[in-house]
């Protein structure tokens, strides 16, 4: 009887001592660094072949979609550029990414956010970075917390353009 109990105890508790891999599946912010404002599209094209051209709106403004592919996740990143230089990017992140891990990885890289707002359990975090770049990240919590999007845009006053996040909010404010 005692041997049976010990055997059942070991079988039932075995999973309690196994390592659990977080849902971000080794995502690293370095993967986004080549898409930051000021980077050249020629650098992006070395790592990401065959982007989808979404539109070419006069004055050399291009909207392109790249696909970030990893064995454990896939998501799209949208890039706006002018004259071969990136102005901003927008990425709708997989909802199964753990918000706490992703937010902490941004803090580890760029420090504490410059501003924070929360409405209806959805948070928006903003960082003012060097080189006239603003980074914006959004996450939300229901039963668990998850990522929504990340975007970075140039804040250089000499460059006139409408950031993709602003266009998305204008077209579908309830979707973000």
Protein backbone atom coordinates (compact mmCIF):
# COMPACT_ATOMS: atom_id res chain seq x y z
CA UNK A 1 0.00 0.00 0.00
CA UNK A 2 2.77 2.42 0.95
CA UNK A 3 4.74 1.66 -2.25
CA UNK A 4 1.63 2.28 -4.34
CA UNK A 5 1.09 5.63 -2.63
CA UNK A 6 4.71 6.71 -3.23
CA UNK A 7 4.52 5.60 -6.86
CA UNK A 8 1.26 7.55 -7.45
CA UNK A 9 2.70 10.59 -5.66
CA UNK A 10 5.77 10.62 -7.91
CA UNK A 11 3.71 10.24 -11.10
CA UNK A 12 1.22 12.96 -10.16
CA UNK A 13 3.83 15.49 -8.99
CA UNK A 14 6.34 14.93 -11.80
CA UNK A 15 4.98 17.83 -13.90
CA UNK A 16 5.10 20.18 -10.93
CA UNK A 17 8.90 20.19 -11.11
CA UNK A 18 9.31 20.65 -14.87
CA UNK A 19 10.47 23.88 -16.45
CA UNK A 20 7.79 26.02 -18.07
CA UNK A 21 8.88 28.05 -21.10
CA UNK A 22 7.25 31.50 -21.18
CA UNK A 23 5.04 32.27 -24.17
CA UNK A 24 7.42 34.85 -25.66
CA UNK A 25 9.46 31.98 -27.07
CA UNK A 26 12.84 33.69 -26.90
CA UNK A 27 11.70 36.88 -28.63
CA UNK A 28 14.41 39.53 -28.49
CA UNK A 29 14.01 43.26 -29.13
CA UNK A 30 17.14 43.09 -31.31
CA UNK A 31 14.87 41.61 -33.98
CA UNK A 32 13.12 44.99 -34.21
CA UNK A 33 16.24 47.17 -34.06
CA UNK A 34 16.78 47.20 -37.84
CA UNK A 35 13.24 48.60 -38.28
CA UNK A 36 13.78 51.63 -36.03
CA UNK A 37 13.44 55.15 -37.50
CA UNK A 38 16.62 56.35 -39.13
CA UNK A 39 17.70 52.86 -40.25
CA UNK A 40 18.09 52.20 -43.96
CA UNK A 41 15.79 49.91 -45.91
CA UNK A 42 18.85 48.42 -47.57
CA UNK A 43 19.85 46.96 -44.17
CA UNK A 44 16.37 45.48 -43.69
CA UNK A 45 16.38 43.91 -47.16
CA UNK A 46 19.53 41.92 -46.27
CA UNK A 47 17.65 40.04 -43.53
CA UNK A 48 14.08 40.14 -44.81
CA UNK A 49 13.58 39.29 -48.46
CA UNK A 50 10.52 40.03 -50.58
CA UNK A 51 8.59 42.60 -48.55
CA UNK A 52 5.05 43.29 -49.67
CA UNK A 53 4.65 46.80 -51.05
CA UNK A 54 1.39 48.12 -49.61
CA UNK A 55 1.46 51.53 -51.27
CA UNK A 56 3.74 54.07 -52.83
CA UNK A 57 2.27 57.50 -52.10
CA UNK A 58 4.08 60.21 -54.04
CA UNK A 59 7.23 61.85 -52.68
CA UNK A 60 8.98 58.50 -52.21
CA UNK A 61 6.91 57.42 -49.19
CA UNK A 62 6.65 53.65 -49.13
CA UNK A 63 4.54 51.39 -46.96
CA UNK A 64 5.91 47.86 -46.77
CA UNK A 65 5.02 44.75 -44.81
CA UNK A 66 7.66 42.34 -43.56
CA UNK A 67 7.00 39.02 -41.87
CA UNK A 68 8.97 38.08 -38.75
CA UNK A 69 9.11 34.29 -38.75
CA UNK A 70 10.36 32.17 -35.89
CA UNK A 71 9.62 28.49 -35.23
CA UNK A 72 7.35 29.50 -32.31
CA UNK A 73 5.70 32.69 -33.60
CA UNK A 74 5.02 34.76 -36.70
CA UNK A 75 3.87 38.36 -36.96
CA UNK A 76 3.90 41.23 -39.44
CA UNK A 77 5.76 44.49 -39.12
CA UNK A 78 4.71 47.49 -41.19
CA UNK A 79 7.32 50.04 -42.17
CA UNK A 80 6.94 53.57 -43.56
CA UNK A 81 9.99 55.02 -45.27
CA UNK A 82 11.05 57.97 -47.35
CA UNK A 83 14.06 58.03 -49.67
CA UNK A 84 15.22 54.66 -48.32
CA UNK A 85 15.21 55.74 -44.65
CA UNK A 86 12.69 54.34 -42.16
CA UNK A 87 10.33 56.90 -40.61
CA UNK A 88 8.32 54.55 -38.39
CA UNK A 89 7.23 50.96 -37.87
CA UNK A 90 4.17 49.29 -36.41
CA UNK A 91 3.90 45.66 -35.28
CA UNK A 92 0.76 43.94 -34.01
CA UNK A 93 2.27 41.45 -31.58
CA UNK A 94 1.03 37.91 -30.96
CA UNK A 95 -1.52 37.99 -28.13
CA UNK A 96 0.09 34.96 -26.52
CA UNK A 97 3.25 36.95 -25.78
CA UNK A 98 3.36 37.55 -22.04
CA UNK A 99 2.95 41.28 -21.38
CA UNK A 100 5.07 41.27 -18.22
CA UNK A 101 8.04 39.67 -19.96
CA UNK A 102 7.78 41.87 -23.05
CA UNK A 103 7.37 45.10 -21.06
CA UNK A 104 10.32 44.17 -18.83
CA UNK A 105 12.50 43.50 -21.88
CA UNK A 106 11.75 47.03 -23.14
CA UNK A 107 12.58 48.50 -19.72
CA UNK A 108 15.82 46.50 -19.62
CA UNK A 109 16.83 47.93 -23.00
CA UNK A 110 15.56 51.55 -22.79
CA UNK A 111 14.91 52.24 -19.10
CA UNK A 112 11.67 53.26 -17.45
CA UNK A 113 8.99 54.67 -19.73
CA UNK A 114 8.53 58.44 -20.03
CA UNK A 115 4.75 58.24 -19.73
CA UNK A 116 2.02 55.73 -19.00
CA UNK A 117 -1.76 55.70 -19.37
CA UNK A 118 -4.38 53.07 -18.64
CA UNK A 119 -7.97 52.97 -19.80
CA UNK A 120 -10.29 49.97 -19.48
CA UNK A 121 -7.42 47.62 -18.57
CA UNK A 122 -5.42 48.60 -21.67
CA UNK A 123 -2.11 50.34 -21.02
CA UNK A 124 0.01 52.52 -23.29
CA UNK A 125 3.67 53.07 -22.43
CA UNK A 126 5.85 55.69 -24.15
CA UNK A 127 9.60 56.15 -24.21
CA UNK A 128 11.40 59.24 -25.52
CA UNK A 129 14.60 57.83 -26.98
CA UNK A 130 17.70 59.55 -28.25
CA UNK A 131 17.93 60.46 -31.95
CA UNK A 132 14.37 61.91 -31.96
CA UNK A 133 12.59 58.55 -31.63
CA UNK A 134 9.46 57.80 -29.65
CA UNK A 135 8.70 54.17 -28.78
CA UNK A 136 5.13 53.21 -27.90
CA UNK A 137 4.04 49.85 -26.53
CA UNK A 138 0.54 48.69 -25.60
CA UNK A 139 -0.54 45.76 -23.49
CA UNK A 140 -3.78 44.74 -21.81
CA UNK A 141 -5.04 42.55 -19.01
CA UNK A 142 -8.17 40.47 -18.70
CA UNK A 143 -7.72 37.14 -16.98
CA UNK A 144 -4.05 37.27 -18.04
CA UNK A 145 -1.95 40.10 -19.44
CA UNK A 146 -0.94 40.12 -23.11
CA UNK A 147 0.78 42.30 -25.70
CA UNK A 148 -1.08 44.34 -28.33
CA UNK A 149 1.37 46.37 -30.40
CA UNK A 150 4.71 48.15 -30.50
CA UNK A 151 5.60 51.10 -32.69
CA UNK A 152 8.48 53.54 -33.03
CA UNK A 153 8.36 56.83 -34.89
CA UNK A 154 10.68 59.67 -35.73
CA UNK A 155 9.88 62.90 -33.89
CA UNK A 156 12.28 64.97 -36.00
CA UNK A 157 10.42 68.18 -36.83
CA UNK A 158 12.28 68.51 -40.16
CA UNK A 159 10.57 65.38 -41.52
CA UNK A 160 6.87 65.75 -42.28
CA UNK A 161 4.80 62.58 -42.28
CA UNK A 162 1.83 61.04 -40.49
CA UNK A 163 2.87 58.08 -38.32
CA UNK A 164 1.12 54.78 -39.04
CA UNK A 165 -0.30 54.58 -35.51
CA UNK A 166 -2.03 57.94 -36.02
CA UNK A 167 -3.50 56.74 -39.31
CA UNK A 168 -4.73 53.53 -37.69
CA UNK A 169 -6.36 55.39 -34.81
CA UNK A 170 -8.07 57.78 -37.27
CA UNK A 171 -9.39 54.94 -39.43
CA UNK A 172 -10.39 52.49 -36.68
CA UNK A 173 -10.07 54.00 -33.21
CA UNK A 174 -11.78 51.06 -31.49
CA UNK A 175 -9.37 48.47 -32.94
CA UNK A 176 -6.34 49.69 -30.95
